[in-house]
């Protein structure tokens, strides 16, 4: 009887590890999908100059550092959309692709209104795209 109980515990343990691995794979796929979305957004913005609705120079201490970039763009976001609205969208989703930062707010609850999206060109520290979904 003890042998069967031991085998049962081992089988349950293995099945939970398998479930955990499946969940990790799903999380990885979600991350890759978000990265593909960031790539699509960047491609859209760069595909046509008319998609670039901003041309604002941003002083960034170190454009390769996410904290420096956030510190540089947050005052602009606060000014345009309001500090309370932007702070509700933290933590931001960030992607760095081909010397461009793609930063988006996160909507924690389903409610009317979207999130901000911006694209910052690190080659010349220029904010080239800024929008807020409705």
Protein backbone atom coordinates (compact mmCIF):
# COMPACT_ATOMS: atom_id res chain seq x y z
CA UNK A 1 0.00 0.00 0.00
CA UNK A 2 2.84 2.40 0.82
CA UNK A 3 4.36 1.72 -2.61
CA UNK A 4 1.11 2.69 -4.36
CA UNK A 5 0.81 5.82 -2.25
CA UNK A 6 4.42 6.75 -3.11
CA UNK A 7 3.81 6.18 -6.83
CA UNK A 8 0.62 8.24 -6.65
CA UNK A 9 2.50 11.14 -5.06
CA UNK A 10 5.25 10.93 -7.70
CA UNK A 11 2.70 10.89 -10.55
CA UNK A 12 0.85 13.89 -9.10
CA UNK A 13 4.17 15.73 -8.69
CA UNK A 14 5.20 15.04 -12.28
CA UNK A 15 1.86 16.11 -13.68
CA UNK A 16 2.04 19.40 -11.76
CA UNK A 17 5.55 20.03 -13.14
CA UNK A 18 4.24 19.41 -16.63
CA UNK A 19 1.39 21.84 -16.04
CA UNK A 20 3.84 24.43 -14.76
CA UNK A 21 6.02 24.01 -17.83
CA UNK A 22 2.98 24.41 -20.07
CA UNK A 23 2.10 27.65 -18.27
CA UNK A 24 5.67 28.92 -18.71
CA UNK A 25 5.47 28.14 -22.43
CA UNK A 26 2.16 30.00 -22.68
CA UNK A 27 3.72 33.02 -20.94
CA UNK A 28 6.65 32.93 -23.35
CA UNK A 29 4.26 32.83 -26.32
CA UNK A 30 2.35 35.81 -24.89
CA UNK A 31 5.65 37.69 -24.56
CA UNK A 32 6.58 36.91 -28.16
CA UNK A 33 3.15 38.03 -29.35
CA UNK A 34 3.61 41.34 -27.54
CA UNK A 35 7.03 41.72 -29.17
CA UNK A 36 5.46 41.04 -32.57
CA UNK A 37 2.84 43.68 -31.82
CA UNK A 38 5.59 46.19 -30.96
CA UNK A 39 7.33 45.34 -34.22
CA UNK A 40 4.07 45.87 -36.13
CA UNK A 41 3.51 49.22 -34.45
CA UNK A 42 7.06 50.32 -35.26
CA UNK A 43 6.73 49.16 -38.86
CA UNK A 44 3.46 51.09 -39.18
CA UNK A 45 5.01 54.28 -37.79
CA UNK A 46 8.09 54.01 -40.01
CA UNK A 47 6.23 52.93 -43.16
CA UNK A 48 5.00 56.42 -43.95
CA UNK A 49 6.14 59.80 -42.66
CA UNK A 50 2.50 60.83 -42.24
CA UNK A 51 2.22 58.20 -39.47
CA UNK A 52 4.80 60.10 -37.46
CA UNK A 53 2.55 62.51 -35.64
CA UNK A 54 5.27 64.02 -33.45
CA UNK A 55 8.70 65.44 -33.99
CA UNK A 56 9.72 66.42 -30.50
CA UNK A 57 13.30 66.28 -29.30
CA UNK A 58 13.58 64.57 -25.93
CA UNK A 59 16.61 64.97 -23.70
CA UNK A 60 17.55 61.45 -22.67
CA UNK A 61 20.58 60.87 -20.48
CA UNK A 62 21.15 57.35 -21.82
CA UNK A 63 18.81 56.24 -24.59
CA UNK A 64 19.78 52.58 -24.20
CA UNK A 65 18.58 52.60 -20.57
CA UNK A 66 14.86 52.07 -19.94
CA UNK A 67 14.86 54.11 -16.71
CA UNK A 68 16.44 57.10 -18.46
CA UNK A 69 13.92 56.90 -21.27
CA UNK A 70 10.95 56.68 -18.89
CA UNK A 71 12.28 59.66 -16.92
CA UNK A 72 12.52 61.64 -20.14
CA UNK A 73 9.11 60.81 -21.63
CA UNK A 74 6.93 60.74 -18.52
CA UNK A 75 6.79 64.54 -18.16
CA UNK A 76 5.54 64.74 -21.75
CA UNK A 77 2.92 62.07 -21.09
CA UNK A 78 1.82 63.86 -17.91
CA UNK A 79 1.53 67.15 -19.74
CA UNK A 80 -0.48 65.75 -22.65
CA UNK A 81 -2.74 63.20 -20.92
CA UNK A 82 -2.55 64.01 -17.21
CA UNK A 83 -0.46 62.47 -14.46
CA UNK A 84 -3.33 60.46 -12.94
CA UNK A 85 -4.28 58.81 -16.24
CA UNK A 86 -0.68 57.90 -17.08
CA UNK A 87 0.11 56.60 -13.58
CA UNK A 88 -2.90 54.26 -13.84
CA UNK A 89 -1.21 52.66 -16.86
CA UNK A 90 1.92 51.52 -15.00
CA UNK A 91 3.91 49.35 -15.28
CA UNK A 92 4.51 50.22 -18.91
CA UNK A 93 5.29 47.68 -21.60
CA UNK A 94 8.61 48.48 -23.22
CA UNK A 95 10.30 47.11 -26.31
CA UNK A 96 13.62 48.20 -27.80
CA UNK A 97 13.81 47.40 -31.51
CA UNK A 98 16.36 48.73 -34.01
CA UNK A 99 17.25 51.77 -31.85
CA UNK A 100 13.59 52.63 -31.23
CA UNK A 101 11.74 52.43 -27.93
CA UNK A 102 8.13 51.36 -28.18
CA UNK A 103 6.38 52.15 -24.90
CA UNK A 104 2.75 51.45 -24.10
CA UNK A 105 0.57 51.89 -21.09
CA UNK A 106 -1.16 48.88 -19.57
CA UNK A 107 -4.90 48.72 -19.07
CA UNK A 108 -5.51 46.82 -15.85
CA UNK A 109 -9.31 46.76 -16.05
CA UNK A 110 -11.67 46.74 -18.97
CA UNK A 111 -13.15 50.21 -19.14
CA UNK A 112 -13.75 52.83 -21.79
CA UNK A 113 -10.57 54.45 -22.94
CA UNK A 114 -7.35 52.96 -24.15
CA UNK A 115 -3.71 53.38 -23.34
CA UNK A 116 -0.94 55.57 -24.65
CA UNK A 117 1.56 54.36 -27.23
CA UNK A 118 4.77 56.11 -28.13
CA UNK A 119 7.80 55.55 -30.28
CA UNK A 120 11.12 57.21 -29.47
CA UNK A 121 13.96 57.27 -32.00
CA UNK A 122 17.21 56.80 -30.08
CA UNK A 123 19.38 57.76 -33.04
CA UNK A 124 18.39 61.40 -32.62
CA UNK A 125 16.39 61.38 -29.33
CA UNK A 126 13.17 62.29 -31.11
CA UNK A 127 9.69 61.34 -30.05
CA UNK A 128 8.12 60.47 -33.40
CA UNK A 129 4.79 58.94 -32.41
CA UNK A 130 2.41 59.53 -29.51
CA UNK A 131 -1.22 58.51 -29.32
CA UNK A 132 -3.79 57.48 -26.74
CA UNK A 133 -6.48 54.94 -27.58
CA UNK A 134 -10.13 55.74 -26.99
